[in-house]
Amino acid sequence: MGMTEKVWGALTAMIKLEDKVNRQAEAMKLQQQKIEDLTGRVIRLEAQLELLTGAALVKKLKG
């Protein structure tokens, strides 16, 4: 294997690695956005649960 082929192989491998890293970074961004959306949904559900629990307690005390 000549020196040119070794250099070419190294450059090809580096380009492939960079592509994989870029794709992984994009996937991580999407995953982080999904996590943040789910966190917001859980917060809203917790708030609704607290309100409904409080309303049920007030209704029980009155009734």
Protein backbone atom coordinates (compact mmCIF):
# COMPACT_ATOMS: atom_id res chain seq x y z
CA MET A 1 0.00 0.00 0.00
CA GLY A 2 1.48 3.30 -1.04
CA MET A 3 1.71 6.43 1.03
CA THR A 4 -0.97 8.14 -1.09
CA GLU A 5 -3.43 5.31 -0.44
CA LYS A 6 -2.77 5.48 3.30
CA VAL A 7 -3.36 9.23 3.37
CA TRP A 8 -6.47 8.87 1.24
CA GLY A 9 -7.78 6.12 3.53
CA ALA A 10 -7.15 8.25 6.62
CA LEU A 11 -8.94 11.24 5.07
CA THR A 12 -11.89 9.05 4.06
CA ALA A 13 -12.13 7.61 7.56
CA MET A 14 -11.99 11.10 9.08
CA ILE A 15 -14.78 12.35 6.81
CA LYS A 16 -16.94 9.34 7.67
CA LEU A 17 -16.31 9.90 11.38
CA GLU A 18 -17.22 13.59 11.10
CA ASP A 19 -20.48 12.66 9.37
CA LYS A 20 -21.33 10.18 12.12
CA VAL A 21 -20.59 12.78 14.80
CA ASN A 22 -22.75 15.36 13.05
CA ARG A 23 -25.66 12.93 12.73
CA GLN A 24 -25.31 11.93 16.38
CA ALA A 25 -25.31 15.59 17.46
CA GLU A 26 -28.49 16.22 15.49
CA ALA A 27 -30.14 13.17 17.03
CA MET A 28 -29.17 14.39 20.50
CA LYS A 29 -30.72 17.81 19.80
CA LEU A 30 -33.97 16.18 18.76
CA GLN A 31 -33.93 13.93 21.81
CA GLN A 32 -33.32 16.91 24.11
CA GLN A 33 -36.28 18.74 22.56
CA LYS A 34 -38.51 15.72 23.14
CA ILE A 35 -37.37 15.52 26.77
CA GLU A 36 -38.11 19.22 27.30
CA ASP A 37 -41.58 18.81 25.74
CA LEU A 38 -42.32 15.83 27.99
CA THR A 39 -41.12 17.76 31.04
CA GLY A 40 -43.56 20.55 30.21
CA ARG A 41 -46.39 18.07 29.83
CA VAL A 42 -45.61 16.46 33.18
CA ILE A 43 -45.57 19.86 34.87
CA ARG A 44 -49.00 20.69 33.42
CA LEU A 45 -50.37 17.31 34.51
CA GLU A 46 -49.03 17.82 38.03
CA ALA A 47 -50.69 21.23 38.21
CA GLN A 48 -54.02 19.80 37.04
CA LEU A 49 -53.77 16.95 39.54
CA GLU A 50 -53.13 19.37 42.39
CA LEU A 51 -56.08 21.54 41.37
CA LEU A 52 -58.42 18.58 41.05
CA THR A 53 -57.23 17.06 44.32
CA GLY A 54 -57.74 20.38 46.09
CA ALA A 55 -61.21 20.78 44.57
CA ALA A 56 -62.18 17.26 45.60
CA LEU A 57 -60.98 17.91 49.15
CA VAL A 58 -62.99 21.15 49.38
CA LYS A 59 -66.06 19.39 47.98
CA LYS A 60 -65.64 16.56 50.48
CA LEU A 61 -65.35 18.99 53.40
CA LYS A 62 -68.45 20.91 52.28
CA GLY A 63 -70.49 17.76 51.60
